[in-house]
Structure formats: C-alpha cells, structure tokens
C-alpha cells in the first residue's frame, strides 16, 4: 500500500485482533494483527514483525486497540537503498501473507 501512497499520505487499517488464534489458523486466517504496547505487530506461531521497525524511516506507524486494532501509517519518504537480509526475510513473510489473502 505504501508504494502507491504519496509521501505525506496515509494508510488506514482496522483489524479484529488475533483472528488466526481465534480461528485456530484455519481457512483465511494464518496471521494475527495486534497492538502490543501501542505497536502494530503481525505474528503467528513461528514469527513476529513489528511493522514500525520493518518500515524504518519510510513511515510513521500509530496503533491503538479500542476493540479493534486501528492503525495509521503515514508515509515519510520513498524506500531507497539496498535491502538488508533481515528485511528480505520479513518481506518474504509479508509476501506469503499477501498470497494467502488472495486465496
């Protein structure tokens, strides 16, 4: 989503918390979305990604949990530079999530 948002633009998300846990990782839900200490995390039994850490200086991430996981991601700058191996691995996890979402 950040690739199509202009610098200064926003991505707004609202998720039910931890749907994969509630659904026992069956069907559509293979990843959980949660707010931990006001940080947006995507996780399952084998991995956890703090989205603000993942995006680094590319965006600011705000997260609240008033019943839903409400997330505001504001794009600060376009991604540039060479990717590091950790970001590539996280990108692979997120790509797997996107592919599962399309099923």
N, C-alpha and C. Protein backbone atom coordinates (compact mmCIF):
# COMPACT_ATOMS: atom_id res chain seq x y z
N UNK A 1 0.82 -1.20 0.00
CA UNK A 1 0.00 0.00 0.00
C UNK A 1 0.86 1.26 0.00
N UNK A 2 1.99 1.19 0.71
CA UNK A 2 2.85 2.38 0.76
C UNK A 2 3.46 2.71 -0.59
N UNK A 3 3.58 1.73 -1.47
CA UNK A 3 4.14 2.01 -2.79
C UNK A 3 3.24 2.94 -3.60
N UNK A 4 1.94 2.89 -3.38
CA UNK A 4 1.02 3.72 -4.17
C UNK A 4 0.60 4.99 -3.44
N UNK A 5 0.97 5.13 -2.17
CA UNK A 5 0.64 6.33 -1.41
C UNK A 5 1.76 7.35 -1.59
N UNK A 6 1.39 8.60 -1.81
CA UNK A 6 2.40 9.64 -1.97
C UNK A 6 3.03 9.94 -0.61
N UNK A 7 4.21 10.53 -0.62
CA UNK A 7 4.86 10.96 0.61
C UNK A 7 3.94 11.96 1.31
N UNK A 8 3.69 11.74 2.59
CA UNK A 8 2.74 12.56 3.35
C UNK A 8 1.35 11.94 3.41
N UNK A 9 1.10 10.91 2.59
CA UNK A 9 -0.19 10.24 2.57
C UNK A 9 -0.31 9.19 3.68
N UNK A 10 -1.51 8.66 3.84
CA UNK A 10 -1.81 7.73 4.93
C UNK A 10 -2.36 6.41 4.41
N UNK A 11 -2.09 5.36 5.16
CA UNK A 11 -2.75 4.07 5.02
C UNK A 11 -3.47 3.84 6.34
N UNK A 12 -4.77 3.61 6.28
CA UNK A 12 -5.56 3.36 7.48
C UNK A 12 -6.02 1.92 7.49
N UNK A 13 -5.82 1.23 8.61
CA UNK A 13 -6.19 -0.17 8.74
C UNK A 13 -7.03 -0.37 9.98
N UNK A 14 -7.98 -1.29 9.90
CA UNK A 14 -8.76 -1.70 11.07
C UNK A 14 -8.92 -3.22 10.99
N UNK A 15 -8.46 -3.89 12.04
CA UNK A 15 -8.50 -5.35 12.08
C UNK A 15 -9.09 -5.84 13.39
N UNK A 16 -9.73 -6.99 13.33
CA UNK A 16 -10.05 -7.70 14.56
C UNK A 16 -8.74 -8.25 15.11
N UNK A 17 -8.50 -8.14 16.40
CA UNK A 17 -7.22 -8.63 16.93
C UNK A 17 -7.13 -10.16 16.92
N UNK A 18 -5.98 -10.65 16.52
CA UNK A 18 -5.60 -12.05 16.68
C UNK A 18 -6.61 -13.06 16.13
N UNK A 19 -7.07 -12.81 14.91
CA UNK A 19 -8.05 -13.70 14.29
C UNK A 19 -7.50 -15.10 14.02
N UNK A 20 -6.22 -15.23 13.74
CA UNK A 20 -5.66 -16.57 13.50
C UNK A 20 -5.74 -17.42 14.76
N UNK A 21 -5.47 -16.81 15.91
CA UNK A 21 -5.57 -17.54 17.18
C UNK A 21 -7.02 -17.98 17.41
N UNK A 22 -7.96 -17.07 17.18
CA UNK A 22 -9.37 -17.39 17.40
C UNK A 22 -9.86 -18.46 16.42
N UNK A 23 -9.34 -18.43 15.20
CA UNK A 23 -9.74 -19.39 14.18
C UNK A 23 -8.85 -20.61 14.09
N UNK A 24 -7.95 -20.75 15.04
CA UNK A 24 -7.03 -21.89 15.11
C UNK A 24 -6.23 -22.06 13.82
N UNK A 25 -5.88 -20.94 13.20
CA UNK A 25 -5.03 -20.91 12.00
C UNK A 25 -5.63 -21.69 10.83
N UNK A 26 -6.93 -21.76 10.77
CA UNK A 26 -7.63 -22.44 9.67
C UNK A 26 -8.18 -21.42 8.70
N UNK A 27 -8.38 -21.85 7.47
CA UNK A 27 -9.01 -21.01 6.46
C UNK A 27 -8.16 -19.81 6.11
N UNK A 28 -8.79 -18.67 6.05
CA UNK A 28 -8.17 -17.43 5.61
C UNK A 28 -7.14 -16.89 6.61
N UNK A 29 -7.32 -17.16 7.88
CA UNK A 29 -6.53 -16.51 8.92
C UNK A 29 -5.30 -17.33 9.30
N UNK A 30 -4.14 -16.89 8.81
CA UNK A 30 -2.87 -17.53 9.15
C UNK A 30 -1.94 -16.58 9.89
N UNK A 31 -2.33 -15.31 10.01
CA UNK A 31 -1.54 -14.31 10.71
C UNK A 31 -2.45 -13.52 11.64
N UNK A 32 -1.88 -13.09 12.76
CA UNK A 32 -2.59 -12.27 13.72
C UNK A 32 -2.14 -10.82 13.57
N UNK A 33 -3.08 -9.90 13.75
CA UNK A 33 -2.77 -8.48 13.81
C UNK A 33 -3.08 -8.04 15.23
N UNK A 34 -2.15 -7.33 15.84
CA UNK A 34 -2.36 -6.95 17.24
C UNK A 34 -1.64 -5.64 17.54
N UNK A 35 -2.03 -5.03 18.64
CA UNK A 35 -1.35 -3.87 19.18
C UNK A 35 -0.70 -4.30 20.49
N UNK A 36 0.62 -4.22 20.53
CA UNK A 36 1.36 -4.56 21.74
C UNK A 36 2.15 -3.33 22.17
N UNK A 37 1.82 -2.81 23.34
CA UNK A 37 2.44 -1.57 23.82
C UNK A 37 2.32 -0.47 22.77
N UNK A 38 1.14 -0.37 22.16
CA UNK A 38 0.82 0.63 21.13
C UNK A 38 1.66 0.47 19.86
N UNK A 39 2.18 -0.73 19.62
CA UNK A 39 2.95 -1.02 18.40
C UNK A 39 2.19 -2.05 17.59
N UNK A 40 2.07 -1.82 16.28
CA UNK A 40 1.36 -2.73 15.39
C UNK A 40 2.27 -3.91 15.06
N UNK A 41 1.80 -5.11 15.41
CA UNK A 41 2.57 -6.32 15.13
C UNK A 41 1.73 -7.29 14.32
N UNK A 42 2.41 -8.00 13.42
CA UNK A 42 1.83 -9.10 12.66
C UNK A 42 2.58 -10.33 13.10
N UNK A 43 1.84 -11.37 13.53
CA UNK A 43 2.53 -12.53 14.09
C UNK A 43 1.74 -13.81 13.86
N UNK A 44 2.45 -14.92 14.00
CA UNK A 44 1.84 -16.24 14.10
C UNK A 44 2.74 -17.08 15.00
N UNK A 45 2.58 -18.38 14.98
CA UNK A 45 3.35 -19.23 15.90
C UNK A 45 4.84 -19.25 15.60
N UNK A 46 5.25 -18.90 14.39
CA UNK A 46 6.65 -19.02 14.03
C UNK A 46 7.38 -17.69 13.82
N UNK A 47 6.67 -16.55 13.79
CA UNK A 47 7.33 -15.28 13.55
C UNK A 47 6.51 -14.12 14.09
N UNK A 48 7.19 -12.98 14.27
CA UNK A 48 6.51 -11.75 14.67
C UNK A 48 7.23 -10.58 14.01
N UNK A 49 6.46 -9.66 13.44
CA UNK A 49 7.02 -8.47 12.79
C UNK A 49 6.42 -7.24 13.45
N UNK A 50 7.27 -6.38 13.97
CA UNK A 50 6.85 -5.06 14.42
C UNK A 50 6.88 -4.19 13.16
N UNK A 51 5.73 -3.75 12.70
CA UNK A 51 5.63 -3.08 11.41
C UNK A 51 6.40 -1.76 11.40
N UNK A 52 6.42 -1.03 12.50
CA UNK A 52 7.18 0.23 12.55
C UNK A 52 8.67 -0.05 12.39
N UNK A 53 9.17 -1.09 13.04
CA UNK A 53 10.58 -1.46 12.88
C UNK A 53 10.85 -1.88 11.44
N UNK A 54 9.95 -2.64 10.87
CA UNK A 54 10.12 -3.11 9.50
C UNK A 54 10.18 -1.95 8.51
N UNK A 55 9.30 -0.98 8.68
CA UNK A 55 9.24 0.14 7.74
C UNK A 55 10.35 1.15 7.98
N UNK A 56 10.92 1.15 9.18
CA UNK A 56 12.03 2.05 9.49
C UNK A 56 11.68 3.50 9.25
N UNK A 57 12.57 4.21 8.56
CA UNK A 57 12.39 5.64 8.32
C UNK A 57 11.45 5.94 7.16
N UNK A 58 10.88 4.90 6.57
CA UNK A 58 9.97 5.11 5.44
C UNK A 58 8.60 5.63 5.89
N UNK A 59 8.18 5.28 7.13
CA UNK A 59 6.83 5.65 7.57
C UNK A 59 6.75 5.73 9.09
N UNK A 60 5.77 6.48 9.55
CA UNK A 60 5.43 6.51 10.97
C UNK A 60 4.20 5.63 11.16
N UNK A 61 4.18 4.85 12.23
CA UNK A 61 3.08 3.93 12.48
C UNK A 61 2.49 4.23 13.86
N UNK A 62 1.18 4.48 13.89
CA UNK A 62 0.46 4.65 15.15
C UNK A 62 -0.54 3.52 15.26
N UNK A 63 -0.71 3.01 16.47
CA UNK A 63 -1.61 1.87 16.65
C UNK A 63 -2.35 2.00 17.97
N UNK A 64 -3.64 1.69 17.94
CA UNK A 64 -4.47 1.69 19.14
C UNK A 64 -5.37 0.46 19.10
N UNK A 65 -5.86 0.07 20.26
CA UNK A 65 -6.68 -1.14 20.33
C UNK A 65 -7.96 -0.87 21.15
N UNK A 66 -8.89 -0.12 20.57
CA UNK A 66 -10.16 0.12 21.26
C UNK A 66 -11.23 -0.91 20.87
N UNK A 67 -10.90 -2.18 20.96
CA UNK A 67 -11.79 -3.23 20.48
C UNK A 67 -11.32 -3.80 19.16
N UNK A 68 -10.86 -2.93 18.28
CA UNK A 68 -10.22 -3.31 17.02
C UNK A 68 -8.76 -2.89 17.09
N UNK A 69 -7.96 -3.39 16.18
CA UNK A 69 -6.60 -2.90 16.02
C UNK A 69 -6.67 -1.82 14.95
N UNK A 70 -6.62 -0.56 15.37
CA UNK A 70 -6.67 0.58 14.45
C UNK A 70 -5.25 1.07 14.20
N UNK A 71 -4.89 1.16 12.93
CA UNK A 71 -3.51 1.51 12.56
C UNK A 71 -3.53 2.68 11.58
N UNK A 72 -2.65 3.64 11.83
CA UNK A 72 -2.43 4.75 10.91
C UNK A 72 -0.96 4.70 10.52
N UNK A 73 -0.70 4.56 9.22
CA UNK A 73 0.66 4.54 8.70
C UNK A 73 0.81 5.76 7.79
N UNK A 74 1.73 6.65 8.15
CA UNK A 74 1.97 7.85 7.35
C UNK A 74 3.31 7.71 6.65
N UNK A 75 3.27 7.81 5.33
CA UNK A 75 4.49 7.68 4.54
C UNK A 75 5.33 8.94 4.68
N UNK A 76 6.59 8.77 5.08
CA UNK A 76 7.51 9.88 5.28
C UNK A 76 8.39 10.07 4.06
N UNK A 77 8.85 8.96 3.49
CA UNK A 77 9.72 9.04 2.31
C UNK A 77 9.63 7.74 1.54
N UNK A 78 10.05 7.81 0.28
CA UNK A 78 10.10 6.61 -0.56
C UNK A 78 11.26 5.74 -0.12
N UNK A 79 11.11 4.44 -0.28
CA UNK A 79 12.16 3.50 0.09
C UNK A 79 13.29 3.60 -0.93
N UNK A 80 14.50 3.71 -0.42
CA UNK A 80 15.69 3.75 -1.27
C UNK A 80 16.79 2.97 -0.58
N UNK A 81 17.84 2.68 -1.33
CA UNK A 81 18.98 1.99 -0.75
C UNK A 81 18.87 0.49 -0.93
N UNK A 82 19.94 -0.18 -0.60
CA UNK A 82 19.98 -1.63 -0.77
C UNK A 82 19.34 -2.32 0.41
N UNK A 83 18.50 -3.32 0.16
CA UNK A 83 17.84 -4.03 1.26
C UNK A 83 18.83 -4.90 2.02
N UNK A 84 18.59 -5.06 3.32
CA UNK A 84 19.44 -5.96 4.09
C UNK A 84 18.75 -7.32 4.19
N UNK A 85 19.47 -8.37 4.53
CA UNK A 85 18.90 -9.73 4.54
C UNK A 85 17.70 -9.89 5.49
N UNK A 86 17.71 -9.19 6.62
CA UNK A 86 16.58 -9.30 7.55
C UNK A 86 15.31 -8.75 6.93
N UNK A 87 15.43 -7.61 6.25
CA UNK A 87 14.26 -7.03 5.59
C UNK A 87 13.75 -7.95 4.49
N UNK A 88 14.67 -8.61 3.77
CA UNK A 88 14.25 -9.55 2.74
C UNK A 88 13.44 -10.70 3.33
N UNK A 89 13.87 -11.22 4.46
CA UNK A 89 13.14 -12.32 5.09
C UNK A 89 11.76 -11.87 5.56
N UNK A 90 11.68 -10.71 6.17
CA UNK A 90 10.38 -10.18 6.60
C UNK A 90 9.51 -9.92 5.39
N UNK A 91 10.10 -9.39 4.32
CA UNK A 91 9.35 -9.15 3.08
C UNK A 91 8.78 -10.46 2.54
N UNK A 92 9.54 -11.55 2.66
CA UNK A 92 9.06 -12.86 2.22
C UNK A 92 7.86 -13.30 3.06
N UNK A 93 7.92 -13.10 4.38
CA UNK A 93 6.77 -13.43 5.23
C UNK A 93 5.54 -12.62 4.84
N UNK A 94 5.75 -11.33 4.63
CA UNK A 94 4.62 -10.47 4.26
C UNK A 94 4.08 -10.83 2.88
N UNK A 95 4.97 -11.20 1.95
CA UNK A 95 4.52 -11.63 0.63
C UNK A 95 3.69 -12.90 0.74
N UNK A 96 4.12 -13.83 1.61
CA UNK A 96 3.35 -15.06 1.83
C UNK A 96 1.97 -14.72 2.36
N UNK A 97 1.89 -13.74 3.25
CA UNK A 97 0.60 -13.31 3.77
C UNK A 97 -0.29 -12.78 2.65
N UNK A 98 0.28 -11.97 1.77
CA UNK A 98 -0.48 -11.41 0.66
C UNK A 98 -1.00 -12.53 -0.24
N UNK A 99 -0.14 -13.50 -0.53
CA UNK A 99 -0.56 -14.61 -1.39
C UNK A 99 -1.67 -15.43 -0.74
N UNK A 100 -1.58 -15.65 0.57
CA UNK A 100 -2.64 -16.39 1.29
C UNK A 100 -3.93 -15.60 1.29
N UNK A 101 -3.82 -14.27 1.36
CA UNK A 101 -5.01 -13.42 1.38
C UNK A 101 -5.77 -13.51 0.07
N UNK A 102 -5.06 -13.78 -1.01
CA UNK A 102 -5.69 -13.83 -2.33
C UNK A 102 -6.45 -15.13 -2.56
N UNK A 103 -6.24 -16.12 -1.72
CA UNK A 103 -6.91 -17.42 -1.91
C UNK A 103 -8.36 -17.38 -1.51
